[in-house]
Amino acid sequence: MPPELETRDLSRFPPVLLGRGTSEEWYDAAKMEHDVELLRRKGADVRPCVFEGGHEWTNEFRAAAGQFLEEVFRPVS
Protein backbone atom coordinates (compact mmCIF):
# COMPACT_ATOMS: atom_id res chain seq x y z
CA MET A 1 0.00 0.00 0.00
CA PRO A 2 1.52 3.33 -0.97
CA PRO A 3 2.30 5.33 2.20
CA GLU A 4 0.70 8.51 0.83
CA LEU A 5 -2.73 6.85 1.11
CA GLU A 6 -2.45 7.06 4.89
CA THR A 7 -2.96 10.83 4.74
CA ARG A 8 -5.69 10.99 2.10
CA ASP A 9 -9.47 10.90 2.28
CA LEU A 10 -10.42 7.87 0.21
CA SER A 11 -14.19 8.14 0.47
CA ARG A 12 -14.40 9.07 -3.22
CA PHE A 13 -12.01 6.29 -4.22
CA PRO A 14 -13.54 3.62 -6.45
CA PRO A 15 -14.32 0.25 -4.83
CA VAL A 16 -11.24 -1.88 -4.21
CA LEU A 17 -10.86 -5.64 -4.56
CA LEU A 18 -7.83 -6.61 -2.48
CA GLY A 19 -6.60 -10.14 -3.11
CA ARG A 20 -4.05 -12.36 -1.41
CA GLY A 21 -3.08 -15.96 -1.98
CA THR A 22 -2.83 -18.17 1.10
CA SER A 23 0.75 -19.12 0.22
CA GLU A 24 1.82 -15.61 -0.75
CA GLU A 25 5.24 -15.06 0.81
CA TRP A 26 5.48 -11.25 0.73
CA TYR A 27 1.89 -10.11 1.24
CA ASP A 28 0.95 -12.01 4.38
CA ALA A 29 -2.31 -11.99 6.33
CA ALA A 30 -1.11 -9.28 8.73
CA LYS A 31 -0.19 -6.91 5.90
CA MET A 32 -3.51 -7.49 4.19
CA GLU A 33 -5.42 -6.91 7.43
CA HIS A 34 -3.51 -3.65 7.95
CA ASP A 35 -4.33 -2.50 4.42
CA VAL A 36 -8.01 -3.42 4.71
CA GLU A 37 -8.30 -1.54 8.00
CA LEU A 38 -6.47 1.48 6.58
CA LEU A 39 -8.65 1.65 3.49
CA ARG A 40 -11.85 1.30 5.50
CA ARG A 41 -10.74 3.89 8.06
CA LYS A 42 -10.07 6.30 5.19
CA GLY A 43 -13.55 5.73 3.76
CA ALA A 44 -12.82 3.32 0.90
CA ASP A 45 -15.14 0.46 -0.04
CA VAL A 46 -12.67 -2.43 0.15
CA ARG A 47 -13.52 -6.07 -0.43
CA PRO A 48 -10.85 -8.52 0.69
CA CYS A 49 -10.46 -11.82 -1.13
CA VAL A 50 -8.22 -14.58 0.18
CA PHE A 51 -7.76 -17.44 -2.27
CA GLU A 52 -5.82 -20.69 -2.42
CA GLY A 53 -2.52 -20.01 -4.13
CA GLY A 54 0.43 -17.68 -4.12
CA HIS A 55 1.31 -14.48 -5.92
CA GLU A 56 -0.22 -15.46 -9.28
CA TRP A 57 -3.92 -15.07 -9.97
CA THR A 58 -5.86 -18.33 -9.86
CA ASN A 59 -9.20 -19.24 -11.39
CA GLU A 60 -10.73 -18.74 -7.94
CA PHE A 61 -9.45 -15.16 -7.82
CA ARG A 62 -10.43 -14.52 -11.44
CA ALA A 63 -13.98 -15.59 -10.60
CA ALA A 64 -14.02 -13.29 -7.56
CA ALA A 65 -12.69 -10.42 -9.70
CA GLY A 66 -15.40 -11.06 -12.29
CA GLN A 67 -18.11 -11.02 -9.64
CA PHE A 68 -16.64 -7.85 -8.13
CA LEU A 69 -16.67 -6.11 -11.52
CA GLU A 70 -20.26 -7.21 -12.18
CA GLU A 71 -21.33 -5.74 -8.83
CA VAL A 72 -19.40 -2.49 -9.29
CA PHE A 73 -20.60 -1.89 -12.83
CA ARG A 74 -24.18 -3.13 -12.36
CA PRO A 75 -26.57 -0.47 -13.66
CA VAL A 76 -28.49 1.34 -10.94
CA SER A 77 -32.25 0.78 -11.33
C-alpha atoms as a PDB file:
ATOM      1  CA  MET A   1       0.000   0.000   0.000  1.00  0.00           C
ATOM      2  CA  PRO A   2       1.518   3.333  -0.972  1.00  0.00           C
ATOM      3  CA  PRO A   3       2.301   5.334   2.196  1.00  0.00           C
ATOM      4  CA  GLU A   4       0.700   8.506   0.833  1.00  0.00           C
ATOM      5  CA  LEU A   5      -2.729   6.849   1.115  1.00  0.00           C
ATOM      6  CA  GLU A   6      -2.449   7.061   4.893  1.00  0.00           C
ATOM      7  CA  THR A   7      -2.956  10.825   4.738  1.00  0.00           C
ATOM      8  CA  ARG A   8      -5.688  10.992   2.097  1.00  0.00           C
ATOM      9  CA  ASP A   9      -9.471  10.902   2.275  1.00  0.00           C
ATOM     10  CA  LEU A  10     -10.417   7.868   0.206  1.00  0.00           C
ATOM     11  CA  SER A  11     -14.193   8.144   0.474  1.00  0.00           C
ATOM     12  CA  ARG A  12     -14.404   9.069  -3.223  1.00  0.00           C
ATOM     13  CA  PHE A  13     -12.010   6.292  -4.217  1.00  0.00           C
ATOM     14  CA  PRO A  14     -13.544   3.623  -6.454  1.00  0.00           C
ATOM     15  CA  PRO A  15     -14.321   0.254  -4.835  1.00  0.00           C
ATOM     16  CA  VAL A  16     -11.243  -1.877  -4.214  1.00  0.00           C
ATOM     17  CA  LEU A  17     -10.856  -5.642  -4.556  1.00  0.00           C
ATOM     18  CA  LEU A  18      -7.828  -6.611  -2.481  1.00  0.00           C
ATOM     19  CA  GLY A  19      -6.602 -10.143  -3.105  1.00  0.00           C
ATOM     20  CA  ARG A  20      -4.050 -12.361  -1.415  1.00  0.00           C
ATOM     21  CA  GLY A  21      -3.075 -15.963  -1.982  1.00  0.00           C
ATOM     22  CA  THR A  22      -2.828 -18.170   1.103  1.00  0.00           C
ATOM     23  CA  SER A  23       0.746 -19.122   0.222  1.00  0.00           C
ATOM     24  CA  GLU A  24       1.824 -15.606  -0.754  1.00  0.00           C
ATOM     25  CA  GLU A  25       5.243 -15.058   0.809  1.00  0.00           C
ATOM     26  CA  TRP A  26       5.483 -11.253   0.731  1.00  0.00           C
ATOM     27  CA  TYR A  27       1.886 -10.105   1.242  1.00  0.00           C
ATOM     28  CA  ASP A  28       0.950 -12.012   4.376  1.00  0.00           C
ATOM     29  CA  ALA A  29      -2.308 -11.987   6.330  1.00  0.00           C
ATOM     30  CA  ALA A  30      -1.106  -9.284   8.733  1.00  0.00           C
ATOM     31  CA  LYS A  31      -0.191  -6.907   5.902  1.00  0.00           C
ATOM     32  CA  MET A  32      -3.509  -7.493   4.189  1.00  0.00           C
ATOM     33  CA  GLU A  33      -5.416  -6.908   7.434  1.00  0.00           C
ATOM     34  CA  HIS A  34      -3.507  -3.653   7.954  1.00  0.00           C
ATOM     35  CA  ASP A  35      -4.327  -2.496   4.422  1.00  0.00           C
ATOM     36  CA  VAL A  36      -8.009  -3.417   4.705  1.00  0.00           C
ATOM     37  CA  GLU A  37      -8.300  -1.538   8.004  1.00  0.00           C
ATOM     38  CA  LEU A  38      -6.465   1.485   6.579  1.00  0.00           C
ATOM     39  CA  LEU A  39      -8.653   1.648   3.485  1.00  0.00           C
ATOM     40  CA  ARG A  40     -11.851   1.297   5.503  1.00  0.00           C
ATOM     41  CA  ARG A  41     -10.740   3.885   8.061  1.00  0.00           C
ATOM     42  CA  LYS A  42     -10.072   6.297   5.188  1.00  0.00           C
ATOM     43  CA  GLY A  43     -13.550   5.727   3.764  1.00  0.00           C
ATOM     44  CA  ALA A  44     -12.821   3.321   0.904  1.00  0.00           C
ATOM     45  CA  ASP A  45     -15.143   0.465  -0.043  1.00  0.00           C
ATOM     46  CA  VAL A  46     -12.668  -2.427   0.147  1.00  0.00           C
ATOM     47  CA  ARG A  47     -13.518  -6.065  -0.428  1.00  0.00           C
ATOM     48  CA  PRO A  48     -10.850  -8.519   0.686  1.00  0.00           C
ATOM     49  CA  CYS A  49     -10.459 -11.816  -1.134  1.00  0.00           C
ATOM     50  CA  VAL A  50      -8.218 -14.579   0.177  1.00  0.00           C
ATOM     51  CA  PHE A  51      -7.760 -17.440  -2.265  1.00  0.00           C
ATOM     52  CA  GLU A  52      -5.819 -20.694  -2.415  1.00  0.00           C
ATOM     53  CA  GLY A  53      -2.524 -20.007  -4.127  1.00  0.00           C
ATOM     54  CA  GLY A  54       0.429 -17.676  -4.119  1.00  0.00           C
ATOM     55  CA  HIS A  55       1.308 -14.485  -5.923  1.00  0.00           C
ATOM     56  CA  GLU A  56      -0.220 -15.457  -9.276  1.00  0.00           C
ATOM     57  CA  TRP A  57      -3.923 -15.073  -9.971  1.00  0.00           C
ATOM     58  CA  THR A  58      -5.861 -18.331  -9.857  1.00  0.00           C
ATOM     59  CA  ASN A  59      -9.199 -19.240 -11.391  1.00  0.00           C
ATOM     60  CA  GLU A  60     -10.727 -18.738  -7.939  1.00  0.00           C
ATOM     61  CA  PHE A  61      -9.452 -15.156  -7.822  1.00  0.00           C
ATOM     62  CA  ARG A  62     -10.426 -14.516 -11.438  1.00  0.00           C
ATOM     63  CA  ALA A  63     -13.980 -15.588 -10.601  1.00  0.00           C
ATOM     64  CA  ALA A  64     -14.018 -13.288  -7.556  1.00  0.00           C
ATOM     65  CA  ALA A  65     -12.691 -10.422  -9.698  1.00  0.00           C
ATOM     66  CA  GLY A  66     -15.401 -11.056 -12.289  1.00  0.00           C
ATOM     67  CA  GLN A  67     -18.113 -11.022  -9.637  1.00  0.00           C
ATOM     68  CA  PHE A  68     -16.635  -7.848  -8.130  1.00  0.00           C
ATOM     69  CA  LEU A  69     -16.671  -6.111 -11.516  1.00  0.00           C
ATOM     70  CA  GLU A  70     -20.259  -7.210 -12.179  1.00  0.00           C
ATOM     71  CA  GLU A  71     -21.328  -5.736  -8.831  1.00  0.00           C
ATOM     72  CA  VAL A  72     -19.399  -2.492  -9.288  1.00  0.00           C
ATOM     73  CA  PHE A  73     -20.600  -1.894 -12.829  1.00  0.00           C
ATOM     74  CA  ARG A  74     -24.179  -3.130 -12.363  1.00  0.00           C
ATOM     75  CA  PRO A  75     -26.570  -0.469 -13.657  1.00  0.00           C
ATOM     76  CA  VAL A  76     -28.495   1.338 -10.940  1.00  0.00           C
ATOM     77  CA  SER A  77     -32.252   0.782 -11.326  1.00  0.00           C
END
